[in-house]
């Protein structure tokens, strides 16, 4: 009774430098099927390397609710940053216009010798015009 020897499947490890070169060739537009055939590597593995190099998760778990939650969190963080920037700009505008108004008020008080608010000639003549 001769038993067939089981073929043990071993996983081959590839150097990081080689992976980077292969990903670079893929990004340069080289045919992935031809590249996989040249290297004797499964084409899908090349795409796995490409996704890992880009920092993207690979596999079915990446499409799950956790990934959607993470994406929503990133969107909301971007929105918060945008709103904080807008709020900061509004604060600067308020400070600018407040200082400008204070400067105008000081100039008006300096022009009238009594220290009271200066009025224009037009507003001083207003009661006379209404009496007609």
N, C-alpha and C. Protein backbone atom coordinates (compact mmCIF):
# COMPACT_ATOMS: atom_id res chain seq x y z
N UNK A 1 0.82 -1.17 0.00
CA UNK A 1 0.00 0.00 0.00
C UNK A 1 0.88 1.25 0.00
N UNK A 2 0.96 1.83 -1.10
CA UNK A 2 1.77 3.03 -1.22
C UNK A 2 0.90 4.26 -0.99
N UNK A 3 1.32 5.06 -0.04
CA UNK A 3 0.57 6.29 0.22
C UNK A 3 1.18 7.41 -0.59
N UNK A 4 0.30 8.25 -1.09
CA UNK A 4 0.79 9.44 -1.80
C UNK A 4 1.26 10.45 -0.77
N UNK A 5 2.36 11.02 -1.05
CA UNK A 5 2.87 12.04 -0.14
C UNK A 5 2.04 13.31 -0.33
N UNK A 6 1.59 13.85 0.78
CA UNK A 6 0.82 15.08 0.69
C UNK A 6 1.75 16.23 0.38
N UNK A 7 1.30 17.05 -0.51
CA UNK A 7 2.08 18.22 -0.86
C UNK A 7 1.76 19.32 0.15
N UNK A 8 2.76 19.71 0.88
CA UNK A 8 2.58 20.74 1.89
C UNK A 8 2.74 22.09 1.20
N UNK A 9 1.74 22.90 1.39
CA UNK A 9 1.77 24.21 0.75
C UNK A 9 2.52 25.19 1.65
N UNK A 10 3.57 25.72 1.14
CA UNK A 10 4.34 26.68 1.90
C UNK A 10 4.09 28.08 1.37
N UNK A 11 4.11 29.03 2.24
CA UNK A 11 3.92 30.40 1.83
C UNK A 11 5.26 31.04 1.64
N UNK A 12 5.39 31.68 0.53
CA UNK A 12 6.66 32.30 0.20
C UNK A 12 6.63 33.75 0.64
N UNK A 13 7.71 34.19 1.21
CA UNK A 13 7.82 35.59 1.61
C UNK A 13 8.65 36.33 0.58
N UNK A 14 8.23 37.54 0.31
CA UNK A 14 8.92 38.35 -0.68
C UNK A 14 9.52 39.56 0.01
N UNK A 15 10.70 39.97 -0.43
CA UNK A 15 11.35 41.13 0.19
C UNK A 15 10.53 42.41 -0.02
N UNK A 16 10.60 43.30 0.94
CA UNK A 16 9.85 44.55 0.89
C UNK A 16 10.27 45.37 -0.33
N UNK A 17 11.56 45.38 -0.63
CA UNK A 17 12.05 46.12 -1.78
C UNK A 17 11.45 45.63 -3.09
N UNK A 18 11.31 44.31 -3.19
CA UNK A 18 10.72 43.74 -4.40
C UNK A 18 9.25 44.16 -4.51
N UNK A 19 8.55 44.11 -3.39
CA UNK A 19 7.14 44.51 -3.39
C UNK A 19 6.99 45.97 -3.84
N UNK A 20 7.87 46.82 -3.33
CA UNK A 20 7.82 48.24 -3.70
C UNK A 20 8.08 48.44 -5.18
N UNK A 21 9.04 47.67 -5.72
CA UNK A 21 9.32 47.78 -7.15
C UNK A 21 8.12 47.32 -7.98
N UNK A 22 7.51 46.22 -7.57
CA UNK A 22 6.36 45.70 -8.30
C UNK A 22 5.20 46.70 -8.26
N UNK A 23 4.95 47.26 -7.09
CA UNK A 23 3.87 48.25 -6.96
C UNK A 23 4.18 49.47 -7.83
N UNK A 24 5.44 49.88 -7.86
CA UNK A 24 5.83 51.00 -8.71
C UNK A 24 5.58 50.72 -10.18
N UNK A 25 5.88 49.49 -10.59
CA UNK A 25 5.62 49.11 -11.99
C UNK A 25 4.12 49.09 -12.28
N UNK A 26 3.34 48.64 -11.31
CA UNK A 26 1.88 48.64 -11.49
C UNK A 26 1.36 50.07 -11.62
N UNK A 27 1.85 50.96 -10.78
CA UNK A 27 1.40 52.35 -10.82
C UNK A 27 1.87 53.06 -12.08
N UNK A 28 2.95 52.57 -12.66
CA UNK A 28 3.44 53.15 -13.91
C UNK A 28 2.59 52.72 -15.10
N UNK A 29 1.67 51.78 -14.87
CA UNK A 29 0.75 51.38 -15.91
C UNK A 29 1.09 50.06 -16.59
N UNK A 30 2.01 49.32 -16.03
CA UNK A 30 2.39 48.05 -16.63
C UNK A 30 1.25 47.04 -16.48
N UNK A 31 1.09 46.18 -17.45
CA UNK A 31 0.04 45.17 -17.46
C UNK A 31 0.25 44.24 -16.26
N UNK A 32 -0.75 44.17 -15.39
CA UNK A 32 -0.64 43.42 -14.14
C UNK A 32 -0.59 41.92 -14.41
N UNK A 33 -1.38 41.45 -15.38
CA UNK A 33 -1.39 40.02 -15.69
C UNK A 33 -0.02 39.59 -16.22
N UNK A 34 0.56 40.40 -17.08
CA UNK A 34 1.88 40.08 -17.62
C UNK A 34 2.94 40.13 -16.52
N UNK A 35 2.83 41.11 -15.65
CA UNK A 35 3.78 41.25 -14.54
C UNK A 35 3.69 40.04 -13.61
N UNK A 36 2.47 39.61 -13.31
CA UNK A 36 2.28 38.44 -12.45
C UNK A 36 2.86 37.19 -13.10
N UNK A 37 2.64 37.05 -14.41
CA UNK A 37 3.19 35.89 -15.12
C UNK A 37 4.71 35.92 -15.12
N UNK A 38 5.29 37.09 -15.31
CA UNK A 38 6.75 37.23 -15.33
C UNK A 38 7.36 36.83 -13.99
N UNK A 39 6.69 37.21 -12.89
CA UNK A 39 7.23 36.94 -11.56
C UNK A 39 6.79 35.58 -11.01
N UNK A 40 5.80 34.96 -11.64
CA UNK A 40 5.29 33.69 -11.14
C UNK A 40 4.47 33.87 -9.86
N UNK A 41 3.78 34.99 -9.77
CA UNK A 41 3.00 35.33 -8.59
C UNK A 41 1.55 35.50 -9.03
N UNK A 42 0.64 35.13 -8.15
CA UNK A 42 -0.77 35.32 -8.44
C UNK A 42 -1.08 36.81 -8.59
N UNK A 43 -1.86 37.14 -9.59
CA UNK A 43 -2.20 38.53 -9.89
C UNK A 43 -2.90 39.22 -8.71
N UNK A 44 -3.73 38.50 -7.99
CA UNK A 44 -4.46 39.06 -6.86
C UNK A 44 -3.49 39.51 -5.76
N UNK A 45 -2.41 38.75 -5.58
CA UNK A 45 -1.42 39.10 -4.57
C UNK A 45 -0.78 40.46 -4.90
N UNK A 46 -0.60 40.75 -6.18
CA UNK A 46 -0.03 42.04 -6.56
C UNK A 46 -0.95 43.19 -6.14
N UNK A 47 -2.25 42.97 -6.29
CA UNK A 47 -3.20 44.00 -5.87
C UNK A 47 -3.23 44.14 -4.34
N UNK A 48 -3.02 43.04 -3.64
CA UNK A 48 -2.93 43.10 -2.18
C UNK A 48 -1.75 43.97 -1.79
N UNK A 49 -0.61 43.77 -2.42
CA UNK A 49 0.58 44.59 -2.14
C UNK A 49 0.31 46.06 -2.43
N UNK A 50 -0.36 46.31 -3.53
CA UNK A 50 -0.65 47.70 -3.93
C UNK A 50 -1.53 48.38 -2.89
N UNK A 51 -2.55 47.68 -2.42
CA UNK A 51 -3.44 48.26 -1.41
C UNK A 51 -2.71 48.48 -0.09
N UNK A 52 -1.87 47.54 0.30
CA UNK A 52 -1.11 47.70 1.55
C UNK A 52 -0.14 48.87 1.45
N UNK A 53 0.49 49.03 0.28
CA UNK A 53 1.42 50.14 0.08
C UNK A 53 0.69 51.49 0.17
N UNK A 54 -0.57 51.50 -0.25
CA UNK A 54 -1.36 52.73 -0.19
C UNK A 54 -1.98 52.95 1.18
N UNK A 55 -1.79 51.97 2.09
CA UNK A 55 -2.34 52.09 3.43
C UNK A 55 -3.82 51.77 3.51
N UNK A 56 -4.33 51.07 2.52
CA UNK A 56 -5.74 50.69 2.50
C UNK A 56 -5.89 49.27 3.00
N UNK A 57 -6.93 49.00 3.75
CA UNK A 57 -7.14 47.63 4.23
C UNK A 57 -7.55 46.72 3.07
N UNK A 58 -7.31 45.45 3.22
CA UNK A 58 -7.66 44.50 2.17
C UNK A 58 -8.50 43.39 2.77
N UNK A 59 -9.51 42.97 2.07
CA UNK A 59 -10.34 41.85 2.50
C UNK A 59 -11.76 42.27 2.74
N UNK A 60 -12.60 41.33 3.07
CA UNK A 60 -14.03 41.61 3.23
C UNK A 60 -14.31 42.45 4.46
N UNK A 61 -13.47 42.37 5.48
CA UNK A 61 -13.70 43.16 6.69
C UNK A 61 -13.57 44.65 6.42
N UNK A 62 -12.85 45.04 5.38
CA UNK A 62 -12.65 46.44 5.07
C UNK A 62 -13.94 47.09 4.58
N UNK A 63 -14.86 46.29 4.04
CA UNK A 63 -16.10 46.84 3.53
C UNK A 63 -17.20 46.82 4.56
N UNK A 64 -16.90 46.39 5.75
CA UNK A 64 -17.90 46.24 6.79
C UNK A 64 -18.28 47.56 7.44
N UNK A 65 -19.12 47.48 8.45
CA UNK A 65 -19.60 48.69 9.11
C UNK A 65 -18.50 49.48 9.80
N UNK A 66 -17.45 48.83 10.26
CA UNK A 66 -16.35 49.56 10.91
C UNK A 66 -15.70 50.52 9.93
N UNK A 67 -15.51 50.06 8.69
CA UNK A 67 -14.90 50.91 7.67
C UNK A 67 -15.80 52.10 7.37
N UNK A 68 -17.10 51.88 7.29
CA UNK A 68 -18.04 52.97 7.04
C UNK A 68 -18.04 53.95 8.20
N UNK A 69 -17.95 53.42 9.41
CA UNK A 69 -17.89 54.29 10.59
C UNK A 69 -16.62 55.14 10.57
N UNK A 70 -15.50 54.52 10.23
CA UNK A 70 -14.24 55.25 10.16
C UNK A 70 -14.31 56.34 9.10
N UNK A 71 -14.91 56.02 7.97
CA UNK A 71 -15.05 57.00 6.89
C UNK A 71 -15.92 58.17 7.35
N UNK A 72 -17.01 57.87 8.04
CA UNK A 72 -17.91 58.92 8.54
C UNK A 72 -17.19 59.78 9.58
N UNK A 73 -16.39 59.15 10.43
CA UNK A 73 -15.63 59.90 11.43
C UNK A 73 -14.66 60.86 10.74
N UNK A 74 -13.97 60.37 9.70
CA UNK A 74 -13.04 61.24 8.96
C UNK A 74 -13.78 62.41 8.31
N UNK A 75 -14.97 62.14 7.75
CA UNK A 75 -15.76 63.21 7.13
C UNK A 75 -16.17 64.25 8.17
N UNK A 76 -16.61 63.77 9.32
CA UNK A 76 -17.04 64.70 10.37
C UNK A 76 -15.87 65.49 10.94
N UNK A 77 -14.71 64.86 11.08
CA UNK A 77 -13.52 65.58 11.55
C UNK A 77 -13.13 66.67 10.57
N UNK A 78 -13.24 66.38 9.28
CA UNK A 78 -12.94 67.39 8.27
C UNK A 78 -13.93 68.55 8.35
N UNK A 79 -15.20 68.23 8.57
CA UNK A 79 -16.23 69.26 8.70
C UNK A 79 -15.97 70.12 9.93
N UNK A 80 -15.60 69.49 11.05
CA UNK A 80 -15.30 70.24 12.27
C UNK A 80 -14.11 71.18 12.03
N UNK A 81 -13.09 70.69 11.36
CA UNK A 81 -11.92 71.53 11.07
C UNK A 81 -12.33 72.72 10.20
N UNK A 82 -13.19 72.46 9.22
CA UNK A 82 -13.66 73.53 8.34
C UNK A 82 -14.44 74.58 9.15
N UNK A 83 -15.33 74.12 10.01
CA UNK A 83 -16.14 75.05 10.81
C UNK A 83 -15.29 75.82 11.82
N UNK A 84 -14.30 75.15 12.40
CA UNK A 84 -13.40 75.85 13.32
C UNK A 84 -12.64 76.95 12.60
N UNK A 85 -12.22 76.67 11.37
CA UNK A 85 -11.53 77.69 10.57
C UNK A 85 -12.44 78.87 10.28
N UNK A 86 -13.70 78.57 9.90
CA UNK A 86 -14.65 79.64 9.62
C UNK A 86 -14.92 80.47 10.88
N UNK A 87 -15.05 79.79 12.02
CA UNK A 87 -15.28 80.48 13.28
C UNK A 87 -14.10 81.39 13.63
N UNK A 88 -12.90 80.91 13.41
CA UNK A 88 -11.71 81.72 13.67
C UNK A 88 -11.66 82.95 12.79
N UNK A 89 -12.04 82.78 11.51
CA UNK A 89 -12.05 83.93 10.59
C UNK A 89 -13.11 84.94 11.03
N UNK A 90 -14.26 84.46 11.47
CA UNK A 90 -15.32 85.37 11.93
C UNK A 90 -14.85 86.13 13.17
N UNK A 91 -14.16 85.45 14.06
CA UNK A 91 -13.62 86.11 15.25
C UNK A 91 -12.65 87.21 14.88
N UNK A 92 -11.80 86.96 13.90
CA UNK A 92 -10.85 87.97 13.45
C UNK A 92 -11.59 89.16 12.84
N UNK A 93 -12.65 88.88 12.07
CA UNK A 93 -13.42 89.97 11.48
C UNK A 93 -14.07 90.82 12.56
N UNK A 94 -14.62 90.17 13.58
CA UNK A 94 -15.27 90.91 14.67
C UNK A 94 -14.24 91.78 15.39
N UNK A 95 -13.07 91.24 15.65
CA UNK A 95 -12.02 92.02 16.31
C UNK A 95 -11.61 93.21 15.45
N UNK A 96 -11.47 92.98 14.15
CA UNK A 96 -11.05 94.05 13.24
C UNK A 96 -12.09 95.17 13.21
N UNK A 97 -13.35 94.80 12.99
CA UNK A 97 -14.38 95.82 12.88
C UNK A 97 -14.65 96.50 14.23
N UNK A 98 -14.53 95.77 15.32
CA UNK A 98 -14.68 96.38 16.64
C UNK A 98 -13.61 97.45 16.87
N UNK A 99 -12.37 97.12 16.50
CA UNK A 99 -11.28 98.09 16.65
C UNK A 99 -11.51 99.29 15.74
N UNK A 100 -12.00 99.07 14.53
CA UNK A 100 -12.27 100.17 13.61
C UNK A 100 -13.36 101.08 14.17
N UNK A 101 -14.42 100.50 14.71
CA UNK A 101 -15.50 101.31 15.28
C UNK A 101 -15.03 102.09 16.51
N UNK A 102 -14.20 101.48 17.32
CA UNK A 102 -13.66 102.21 18.48
C UNK A 102 -12.80 103.38 18.01
N UNK A 103 -12.03 103.17 16.94
CA UNK A 103 -11.21 104.25 16.40
C UNK A 103 -12.06 105.39 15.86
N UNK A 104 -13.15 105.06 15.21
CA UNK A 104 -14.05 106.09 14.68
C UNK A 104 -14.69 106.85 15.84
N UNK A 105 -15.11 106.15 16.86
CA UNK A 105 -15.73 106.80 18.02
C UNK A 105 -14.74 107.75 18.68
N UNK A 106 -13.49 107.35 18.79
CA UNK A 106 -12.47 108.23 19.39
C UNK A 106 -12.26 109.47 18.54
N UNK A 107 -12.23 109.32 17.23
CA UNK A 107 -12.05 110.47 16.34
C UNK A 107 -13.22 111.43 16.46
N UNK A 108 -14.42 110.91 16.56
CA UNK A 108 -15.60 111.77 16.69
C UNK A 108 -15.53 112.57 17.99
N UNK A 109 -15.12 111.93 19.07
CA UNK A 109 -15.04 112.63 20.34
C UNK A 109 -13.94 113.69 20.32
N UNK A 110 -12.86 113.42 19.61
CA UNK A 110 -11.77 114.40 19.54
C UNK A 110 -12.20 115.62 18.74
N UNK A 111 -13.04 115.44 17.72
CA UNK A 111 -13.46 116.55 16.88
C UNK A 111 -14.43 117.48 17.61
N UNK A 112 -15.27 116.96 18.45
CA UNK A 112 -16.18 117.83 19.22
C UNK A 112 -15.45 118.21 20.50
N UNK A 113 -15.40 119.46 20.80
CA UNK A 113 -14.63 119.92 21.95
C UNK A 113 -15.24 119.57 23.28
N UNK A 114 -16.53 119.30 23.33
CA UNK A 114 -17.19 119.09 24.62
C UNK A 114 -17.02 117.67 25.15
N UNK A 115 -16.59 116.77 24.34
CA UNK A 115 -16.45 115.39 24.80
C UNK A 115 -17.70 114.57 24.55
N UNK A 116 -18.76 115.24 24.09
CA UNK A 116 -19.97 114.52 23.77
C UNK A 116 -19.86 113.98 22.35
N UNK A 117 -20.84 113.21 21.99
CA UNK A 117 -20.86 112.68 20.63
C UNK A 117 -21.05 113.82 19.65
N UNK A 118 -20.31 113.81 18.59
CA UNK A 118 -20.45 114.84 17.56
C UNK A 118 -21.64 114.48 16.68
N UNK A 119 -22.40 115.48 16.32
CA UNK A 119 -23.51 115.24 15.41
C UNK A 119 -23.25 116.01 14.13
N UNK A 120 -23.85 115.57 13.09
CA UNK A 120 -23.65 116.25 11.80
C UNK A 120 -24.59 117.44 11.71
N UNK A 121 -24.31 118.33 10.78
CA UNK A 121 -25.16 119.50 10.61
C UNK A 121 -26.56 119.07 10.21
N UNK A 122 -26.65 118.08 9.44
CA UNK A 122 -27.94 117.62 8.96
C UNK A 122 -28.83 117.21 10.13
N UNK A 123 -28.31 116.47 11.08
CA UNK A 123 -29.13 116.04 12.21
C UNK A 123 -29.46 117.22 13.11
N UNK A 124 -28.60 118.24 13.14
CA UNK A 124 -28.88 119.42 13.95
C UNK A 124 -30.00 120.24 13.33
N UNK A 125 -30.12 120.23 12.00
CA UNK A 125 -31.15 121.00 11.30
C UNK A 125 -32.47 120.25 11.23
N UNK A 126 -32.50 119.01 11.57
CA UNK A 126 -33.70 118.20 11.41
C UNK A 126 -34.92 118.77 12.13
N UNK A 127 -34.84 119.21 13.39
CA UNK A 127 -36.06 119.75 14.04
C UNK A 127 -36.60 120.98 13.35
N UNK A 128 -35.74 121.79 12.78
CA UNK A 128 -36.18 123.00 12.10
C UNK A 128 -36.98 122.66 10.85
N UNK A 129 -36.55 121.66 10.14
CA UNK A 129 -37.22 121.29 8.91
C UNK A 129 -38.60 120.69 9.19
N UNK A 130 -38.74 119.98 10.24
CA UNK A 130 -39.99 119.32 10.55
C UNK A 130 -41.06 120.31 11.00
N UNK A 131 -40.67 121.43 11.52
CA UNK A 131 -41.61 122.40 12.05
C UNK A 131 -42.41 123.11 10.95
N UNK A 132 -42.01 123.12 9.76
CA UNK A 132 -42.70 123.84 8.67
C UNK A 132 -44.04 123.33 8.43
